[in-house]
Amino acid sequence: MTQEKIVWWRVALVVGIVAAIVIGGVWWWQSRGGPSGTAGENVAFEYRASFSYFGSADNRPLENLYLWFPLPQVENQLAGNLICNWALYYIENDNTFTLQATPYKVENLRGARTSTLGILYYGVGMGKGGPTASWILNRLYPHELFIEIDVLSVDNKKASSTTARLYGEPDPNASWLVSENRVIDLSFTASLFRENVQIEAWQWHQENGPPGAYWLWPVT
């Protein structure tokens, strides 16, 4: 099997694990007073956006990594009230995933990582194409997968129009940036769920990709 096929196989697995993490999420929110999505004025949505750093020629970590993910929007506005979380995974050589850390606990550090992930900045802003989540991570190592995990309360009248696409565009995009000129093997994914049912899924994989913005393609 060529390295290219191995990488693409891992990208497919990334899409799968992002979808799997949704299980139980809506129940968790409902148990804390969140909307059930079956009655009343709000509908519960879940959203996952991920960035994977598979490696580079020198396999150095990405220092002070900036990430921008699209967020669910309706008419160029954030779709609803948002609760954000994150998780850090390690992609093993056998194409399995090991949870390394969440904001609440260090689980099992793998590879070159000796300490938990540092979140230097997180914020939600408005861009030309709609709402965007911005992150600065202190360091990401090869074989690591960072996932943003969001739960949203969306007005029932807006639920059918909620999408991760950029406003006025058929697809979403996502970006990464570091202070030096690097090319890496990477992937972005984005998935939107309504009441535990996936309604949108997007991905992009790039070998030797430079910093910048990448359009995500629908997962078919």
C-alpha atoms as a PDB file:
ATOM      1  CA  MET A   1       0.000   0.000   0.000  1.00  0.00           C
ATOM      2  CA  THR A   2       1.401   3.409  -0.971  1.00  0.00           C
ATOM      3  CA  GLN A   3       1.762   6.246   1.499  1.00  0.00           C
ATOM      4  CA  GLU A   4      -0.877   8.185  -0.442  1.00  0.00           C
ATOM      5  CA  LYS A   5      -3.406   5.352   0.026  1.00  0.00           C
ATOM      6  CA  ILE A   6      -2.527   5.068   3.695  1.00  0.00           C
ATOM      7  CA  VAL A   7      -3.124   8.778   4.207  1.00  0.00           C
ATOM      8  CA  TRP A   8      -6.442   8.757   2.341  1.00  0.00           C
ATOM      9  CA  TRP A   9      -7.567   5.738   4.369  1.00  0.00           C
ATOM     10  CA  ARG A  10      -6.811   7.692   7.525  1.00  0.00           C
ATOM     11  CA  VAL A  11      -8.799  10.657   6.216  1.00  0.00           C
ATOM     12  CA  ALA A  12     -11.802   8.356   5.799  1.00  0.00           C
ATOM     13  CA  LEU A  13     -11.337   7.165   9.373  1.00  0.00           C
ATOM     14  CA  VAL A  14     -11.166  10.762  10.595  1.00  0.00           C
ATOM     15  CA  VAL A  15     -14.579  11.416   9.050  1.00  0.00           C
ATOM     16  CA  GLY A  16     -15.876   8.295  10.799  1.00  0.00           C
ATOM     17  CA  ILE A  17     -14.568   9.189  14.236  1.00  0.00           C
ATOM     18  CA  VAL A  18     -15.903  12.745  13.988  1.00  0.00           C
ATOM     19  CA  ALA A  19     -19.335  11.242  13.308  1.00  0.00           C
ATOM     20  CA  ALA A  20     -18.993   8.685  16.125  1.00  0.00           C
ATOM     21  CA  ILE A  21     -18.249  11.317  18.780  1.00  0.00           C
ATOM     22  CA  VAL A  22     -21.765  12.709  18.363  1.00  0.00           C
ATOM     23  CA  ILE A  23     -23.300   9.649  20.035  1.00  0.00           C
ATOM     24  CA  GLY A  24     -24.782  10.633  23.370  1.00  0.00           C
ATOM     25  CA  GLY A  25     -24.008  14.312  22.958  1.00  0.00           C
ATOM     26  CA  VAL A  26     -27.565  15.518  22.662  1.00  0.00           C
ATOM     27  CA  TRP A  27     -28.537  13.366  25.655  1.00  0.00           C
ATOM     28  CA  TRP A  28     -25.739  15.011  27.676  1.00  0.00           C
ATOM     29  CA  TRP A  29     -27.074  18.463  26.869  1.00  0.00           C
ATOM     30  CA  GLN A  30     -30.698  17.563  27.503  1.00  0.00           C
ATOM     31  CA  SER A  31     -29.783  16.129  30.914  1.00  0.00           C
ATOM     32  CA  ARG A  32     -28.489  19.606  31.795  1.00  0.00           C
ATOM     33  CA  GLY A  33     -31.580  21.453  30.657  1.00  0.00           C
ATOM     34  CA  GLY A  34     -30.803  21.805  26.946  1.00  0.00           C
ATOM     35  CA  PRO A  35     -33.528  21.557  24.288  1.00  0.00           C
ATOM     36  CA  SER A  36     -34.879  18.140  23.418  1.00  0.00           C
ATOM     37  CA  GLY A  37     -35.572  19.024  19.786  1.00  0.00           C
ATOM     38  CA  THR A  38     -38.933  17.278  19.996  1.00  0.00           C
ATOM     39  CA  ALA A  39     -41.052  20.042  21.493  1.00  0.00           C
ATOM     40  CA  GLY A  40     -41.017  23.746  22.193  1.00  0.00           C
ATOM     41  CA  GLU A  41     -39.246  26.488  20.266  1.00  0.00           C
ATOM     42  CA  ASN A  42     -35.667  25.124  20.024  1.00  0.00           C
ATOM     43  CA  VAL A  43     -33.963  22.291  18.178  1.00  0.00           C
ATOM     44  CA  ALA A  44     -30.691  20.693  19.302  1.00  0.00           C
ATOM     45  CA  PHE A  45     -27.878  20.609  16.740  1.00  0.00           C
ATOM     46  CA  GLU A  46     -24.362  19.238  17.091  1.00  0.00           C
ATOM     47  CA  TYR A  47     -21.370  20.277  15.024  1.00  0.00           C
ATOM     48  CA  ARG A  48     -17.891  18.794  14.654  1.00  0.00           C
ATOM     49  CA  ALA A  49     -14.947  20.451  12.908  1.00  0.00           C
ATOM     50  CA  SER A  50     -11.506  18.851  12.869  1.00  0.00           C
ATOM     51  CA  PHE A  51      -7.936  19.436  11.739  1.00  0.00           C
ATOM     52  CA  SER A  52      -5.458  16.565  11.348  1.00  0.00           C
ATOM     53  CA  TYR A  53      -1.690  16.959  11.037  1.00  0.00           C
ATOM     54  CA  PHE A  54      -0.436  13.724   9.495  1.00  0.00           C
ATOM     55  CA  GLY A  55       3.180  14.810   9.165  1.00  0.00           C
ATOM     56  CA  SER A  56       5.735  16.719   7.085  1.00  0.00           C
ATOM     57  CA  ALA A  57       9.198  16.244   5.621  1.00  0.00           C
ATOM     58  CA  ASP A  58      10.849  17.000   8.961  1.00  0.00           C
ATOM     59  CA  ASN A  59       7.898  15.995  11.205  1.00  0.00           C
ATOM     60  CA  ARG A  60       8.402  18.990  13.454  1.00  0.00           C
ATOM     61  CA  PRO A  61       5.430  20.108  15.563  1.00  0.00           C
ATOM     62  CA  LEU A  62       3.260  23.009  14.448  1.00  0.00           C
ATOM     63  CA  GLU A  63       3.992  25.803  16.930  1.00  0.00           C
ATOM     64  CA  ASN A  64       1.408  28.503  17.714  1.00  0.00           C
ATOM     65  CA  LEU A  65      -1.032  27.008  15.256  1.00  0.00           C
ATOM     66  CA  TYR A  66      -3.926  29.221  14.129  1.00  0.00           C
ATOM     67  CA  LEU A  67      -7.111  27.431  13.027  1.00  0.00           C
ATOM     68  CA  TRP A  68     -10.348  28.830  11.627  1.00  0.00           C
ATOM     69  CA  PHE A  69     -13.441  26.637  11.315  1.00  0.00           C
ATOM     70  CA  PRO A  70     -16.799  27.587   9.802  1.00  0.00           C
ATOM     71  CA  LEU A  71     -19.748  27.527  12.209  1.00  0.00           C
ATOM     72  CA  PRO A  72     -23.399  26.676  11.529  1.00  0.00           C
ATOM     73  CA  GLN A  73     -25.184  29.732  10.177  1.00  0.00           C
ATOM     74  CA  VAL A  74     -28.548  30.978   9.024  1.00  0.00           C
ATOM     75  CA  GLU A  75     -28.581  33.980   6.687  1.00  0.00           C
ATOM     76  CA  ASN A  76     -24.970  34.871   7.556  1.00  0.00           C
ATOM     77  CA  GLN A  77     -25.580  34.762  11.337  1.00  0.00           C
ATOM     78  CA  LEU A  78     -24.659  32.170  13.950  1.00  0.00           C
ATOM     79  CA  ALA A  79     -27.480  29.629  13.909  1.00  0.00           C
ATOM     80  CA  GLY A  80     -28.085  29.685  17.669  1.00  0.00           C
ATOM     81  CA  ASN A  81     -26.645  29.677  21.156  1.00  0.00           C
ATOM     82  CA  LEU A  82     -23.441  27.653  21.154  1.00  0.00           C
ATOM     83  CA  ILE A  83     -21.641  25.538  23.754  1.00  0.00           C
ATOM     84  CA  CYS A  84     -18.096  24.699  22.633  1.00  0.00           C
ATOM     85  CA  ASN A  85     -15.781  21.882  23.657  1.00  0.00           C
ATOM     86  CA  TRP A  86     -12.722  20.174  22.164  1.00  0.00           C
ATOM     87  CA  ALA A  87     -10.782  16.908  22.118  1.00  0.00           C
ATOM     88  CA  LEU A  88      -7.298  15.856  21.032  1.00  0.00           C
ATOM     89  CA  TYR A  89      -6.719  12.444  19.450  1.00  0.00           C
ATOM     90  CA  TYR A  90      -3.628  10.546  18.293  1.00  0.00           C
ATOM     91  CA  ILE A  91      -3.782   8.620  15.005  1.00  0.00           C
ATOM     92  CA  GLU A  92      -2.036   5.293  15.617  1.00  0.00           C
ATOM     93  CA  ASN A  93      -0.031   3.404  12.990  1.00  0.00           C
ATOM     94  CA  ASP A  94      -2.777   0.763  12.828  1.00  0.00           C
ATOM     95  CA  ASN A  95      -5.298   3.496  11.912  1.00  0.00           C
ATOM     96  CA  THR A  96      -7.016   3.523  15.298  1.00  0.00           C
ATOM     97  CA  PHE A  97      -7.508   6.659  17.384  1.00  0.00           C
ATOM     98  CA  THR A  98      -6.428   7.268  20.974  1.00  0.00           C
ATOM     99  CA  LEU A  99      -8.054  10.037  22.980  1.00  0.00           C
ATOM    100  CA  GLN A 100      -5.241  12.103  24.483  1.00  0.00           C
ATOM    101  CA  ALA A 101      -6.907  15.035  26.181  1.00  0.00           C
ATOM    102  CA  THR A 102     -10.037  17.113  26.694  1.00  0.00           C
ATOM    103  CA  PRO A 103     -10.402  20.416  28.579  1.00  0.00           C
ATOM    104  CA  TYR A 104     -11.190  18.413  31.697  1.00  0.00           C
ATOM    105  CA  LYS A 105      -8.735  15.533  31.682  1.00  0.00           C
ATOM    106  CA  VAL A 106      -5.484  14.204  30.235  1.00  0.00           C
ATOM    107  CA  GLU A 107      -6.310  10.686  29.083  1.00  0.00           C
ATOM    108  CA  ASN A 108      -3.323   9.041  27.382  1.00  0.00           C
ATOM    109  CA  LEU A 109      -0.525  11.101  25.836  1.00  0.00           C
ATOM    110  CA  ARG A 110       0.994   9.487  22.760  1.00  0.00           C
ATOM    111  CA  GLY A 111       3.823  10.048  20.286  1.00  0.00           C
ATOM    112  CA  ALA A 112       6.039  13.037  21.013  1.00  0.00           C
ATOM    113  CA  ARG A 113       3.507  14.701  23.319  1.00  0.00           C
ATOM    114  CA  THR A 114       4.540  15.009  26.982  1.00  0.00           C
ATOM    115  CA  SER A 115       1.963  17.546  28.192  1.00  0.00           C
ATOM    116  CA  THR A 116      -1.623  18.430  27.444  1.00  0.00           C
ATOM    117  CA  LEU A 117      -2.668  20.709  24.599  1.00  0.00           C
ATOM    118  CA  GLY A 118      -2.489  24.420  25.358  1.00  0.00           C
ATOM    119  CA  ILE A 119      -5.361  26.571  24.099  1.00  0.00           C
ATOM    120  CA  LEU A 120      -3.878  30.046  23.720  1.00  0.00           C
ATOM    121  CA  TYR A 121      -7.027  31.588  22.269  1.00  0.00           C
ATOM    122  CA  TYR A 122     -10.600  30.714  21.312  1.00  0.00           C
ATOM    123  CA  GLY A 123     -13.205  33.073  19.934  1.00  0.00           C
ATOM    124  CA  VAL A 124     -16.234  33.342  17.658  1.00  0.00           C
ATOM    125  CA  GLY A 125     -16.303  36.090  15.065  1.00  0.00           C
ATOM    126  CA  MET A 126     -18.215  37.142  11.977  1.00  0.00           C
ATOM    127  CA  GLY A 127     -16.624  37.024   8.545  1.00  0.00           C
ATOM    128  CA  LYS A 128     -17.811  37.671   5.018  1.00  0.00           C
ATOM    129  CA  GLY A 129     -19.055  34.110   4.726  1.00  0.00           C
ATOM    130  CA  GLY A 130     -20.628  33.845   8.162  1.00  0.00           C
ATOM    131  CA  PRO A 131     -19.609  32.977  11.722  1.00  0.00           C
ATOM    132  CA  THR A 132     -16.154  31.484  12.335  1.00  0.00           C
ATOM    133  CA  ALA A 133     -14.462  29.812  15.285  1.00  0.00           C
ATOM    134  CA  SER A 134     -10.848  30.913  15.778  1.00  0.00           C
ATOM    135  CA  TRP A 135      -8.266  28.908  17.725  1.00  0.00           C
ATOM    136  CA  ILE A 136      -4.614  29.268  18.617  1.00  0.00           C
ATOM    137  CA  LEU A 137      -3.032  25.996  19.780  1.00  0.00           C
ATOM    138  CA  ASN A 138       0.365  26.053  21.428  1.00  0.00           C
ATOM    139  CA  ARG A 139       1.618  22.943  19.671  1.00  0.00           C
ATOM    140  CA  LEU A 140       0.320  20.126  17.470  1.00  0.00           C
ATOM    141  CA  TYR A 141       2.445  17.067  16.700  1.00  0.00           C
ATOM    142  CA  PRO A 142       2.386  14.695  13.706  1.00  0.00           C
ATOM    143  CA  HIS A 143      -0.424  12.113  13.844  1.00  0.00           C
ATOM    144  CA  GLU A 144      -2.611  14.388  15.953  1.00  0.00           C
ATOM    145  CA  LEU A 145      -6.252  15.248  15.370  1.00  0.00           C
ATOM    146  CA  PHE A 146      -7.894  18.303  16.975  1.00  0.00           C
ATOM    147  CA  ILE A 147     -11.701  18.373  17.074  1.00  0.00           C
ATOM    148  CA  GLU A 148     -14.000  21.241  17.957  1.00  0.00           C
ATOM    149  CA  ILE A 149     -17.238  19.875  19.439  1.00  0.00           C
ATOM    150  CA  ASP A 150     -20.235  22.236  19.508  1.00  0.00           C
ATOM    151  CA  VAL A 151     -23.825  21.953  20.677  1.00  0.00           C
ATOM    152  CA  LEU A 152     -26.290  24.572  19.460  1.00  0.00           C
ATOM    153  CA  SER A 153     -29.799  25.573  20.441  1.00  0.00           C
ATOM    154  CA  VAL A 154     -31.515  26.700  17.226  1.00  0.00           C
ATOM    155  CA  ASP A 155     -34.901  28.359  16.941  1.00  0.00           C
ATOM    156  CA  ASN A 156     -37.340  25.896  15.398  1.00  0.00           C
ATOM    157  CA  LYS A 157     -38.189  28.395  12.653  1.00  0.00           C
ATOM    158  CA  LYS A 158     -34.518  28.501  11.592  1.00  0.00           C
ATOM    159  CA  ALA A 159     -33.728  24.802  11.920  1.00  0.00           C
ATOM    160  CA  SER A 160     -34.423  23.863   8.305  1.00  0.00           C
ATOM    161  CA  SER A 161     -32.073  26.623   7.080  1.00  0.00           C
ATOM    162  CA  THR A 162     -29.166  25.798   9.391  1.00  0.00           C
ATOM    163  CA  THR A 163     -26.002  24.866   7.470  1.00  0.00           C
ATOM    164  CA  ALA A 164     -22.214  24.816   7.764  1.00  0.00           C
ATOM    165  CA  ARG A 165     -21.851  26.222   4.232  1.00  0.00           C
ATOM    166  CA  LEU A 166     -20.459  29.695   3.828  1.00  0.00           C
ATOM    167  CA  TYR A 167     -23.148  32.256   3.188  1.00  0.00           C
ATOM    168  CA  GLY A 168     -23.844  32.421  -0.546  1.00  0.00           C
ATOM    169  CA  GLU A 169     -21.509  29.493  -1.300  1.00  0.00           C
ATOM    170  CA  PRO A 170     -22.155  25.786  -1.967  1.00  0.00           C
ATOM    171  CA  ASP A 171     -19.413  24.643   0.436  1.00  0.00           C
ATOM    172  CA  PRO A 172     -17.620  25.667   3.645  1.00  0.00           C
ATOM    173  CA  ASN A 173     -13.912  26.401   4.017  1.00  0.00           C
ATOM    174  CA  ALA A 174     -11.376  26.213   6.830  1.00  0.00           C
ATOM    175  CA  SER A 175      -7.879  27.636   7.365  1.00  0.00           C
ATOM    176  CA  TRP A 176      -4.607  27.004   9.160  1.00  0.00           C
ATOM    177  CA  LEU A 177      -1.600  29.246   9.699  1.00  0.00           C
ATOM    178  CA  VAL A 178       1.772  29.188  11.456  1.00  0.00           C
ATOM    179  CA  SER A 179       4.454  31.847  11.646  1.00  0.00           C
ATOM    180  CA  GLU A 180       6.880  30.052   9.330  1.00  0.00           C
ATOM    181  CA  ASN A 181       6.487  28.721   5.810  1.00  0.00           C
ATOM    182  CA  ARG A 182       5.578  25.045   6.233  1.00  0.00           C
ATOM    183  CA  VAL A 183       4.078  22.410   3.955  1.00  0.00           C
ATOM    184  CA  ILE A 184       2.371  19.459   5.629  1.00  0.00           C
ATOM    185  CA  ASP A 185      -0.001  16.553   5.036  1.00  0.00           C
ATOM    186  CA  LEU A 186      -3.320  17.661   6.503  1.00  0.00           C
ATOM    187  CA  SER A 187      -7.048  17.217   6.495  1.00  0.00           C
ATOM    188  CA  PHE A 188     -10.076  19.248   7.532  1.00  0.00           C
ATOM    189  CA  THR A 189     -13.536  17.841   8.232  1.00  0.00           C
ATOM    190  CA  ALA A 190     -16.855  19.382   9.232  1.00  0.00           C
ATOM    191  CA  SER A 191     -20.073  17.555  10.152  1.00  0.00           C
ATOM    192  CA  LEU A 192     -23.477  18.882  11.199  1.00  0.00           C
ATOM    193  CA  PHE A 193     -26.056  16.808  13.074  1.00  0.00           C
ATOM    194  CA  ARG A 194     -29.695  17.496  13.871  1.00  0.00           C
ATOM    195  CA  GLU A 195     -31.019  15.407  16.768  1.00  0.00           C
ATOM    196  CA  ASN A 196     -28.206  12.852  16.318  1.00  0.00           C
ATOM    197  CA  VAL A 197     -28.825  12.523  12.567  1.00  0.00           C
ATOM    198  CA  GLN A 198     -26.027  13.703  10.301  1.00  0.00           C
ATOM    199  CA  ILE A 199     -27.345  16.175   7.752  1.00  0.00           C
ATOM    200  CA  GLU A 200     -24.035  17.529   6.344  1.00  0.00           C
ATOM    201  CA  ALA A 201     -20.498  16.183   6.097  1.00  0.00           C
ATOM    202  CA  TRP A 202     -17.477  17.807   4.458  1.00  0.00           C
ATOM    203  CA  GLN A 203     -13.769  17.047   4.131  1.00  0.00           C
ATOM    204  CA  TRP A 204     -10.553  18.063   2.433  1.00  0.00           C
ATOM    205  CA  HIS A 205      -7.173  16.321   2.372  1.00  0.00           C
ATOM    206  CA  GLN A 206      -3.973  17.902   1.104  1.00  0.00           C
ATOM    207  CA  GLU A 207      -0.483  16.466   0.802  1.00  0.00           C
ATOM    208  CA  ASN A 208       2.312  19.025   1.098  1.00  0.00           C
ATOM    209  CA  GLY A 209      -0.245  21.727   1.686  1.00  0.00           C
ATOM    210  CA  PRO A 210       0.874  25.269   2.560  1.00  0.00           C
ATOM    211  CA  PRO A 211      -0.808  27.476   5.171  1.00  0.00           C
ATOM    212  CA  GLY A 212      -4.031  29.054   3.988  1.00  0.00           C
ATOM    213  CA  ALA A 213      -7.718  28.453   3.367  1.00  0.00           C
ATOM    214  CA  TYR A 214      -9.113  25.198   1.956  1.00  0.00           C
ATOM    215  CA  TRP A 215     -12.538  24.558   0.497  1.00  0.00           C
ATOM    216  CA  LEU A 216     -14.151  21.416   1.909  1.00  0.00           C
ATOM    217  CA  TRP A 217     -15.895  18.938  -0.364  1.00  0.00           C
ATOM    218  CA  PRO A 218     -19.095  17.009   0.450  1.00  0.00           C
ATOM    219  CA  VAL A 219     -18.612  13.483   1.748  1.00  0.00           C
ATOM    220  CA  THR A 220     -20.517  11.113  -0.501  1.00  0.00           C
END
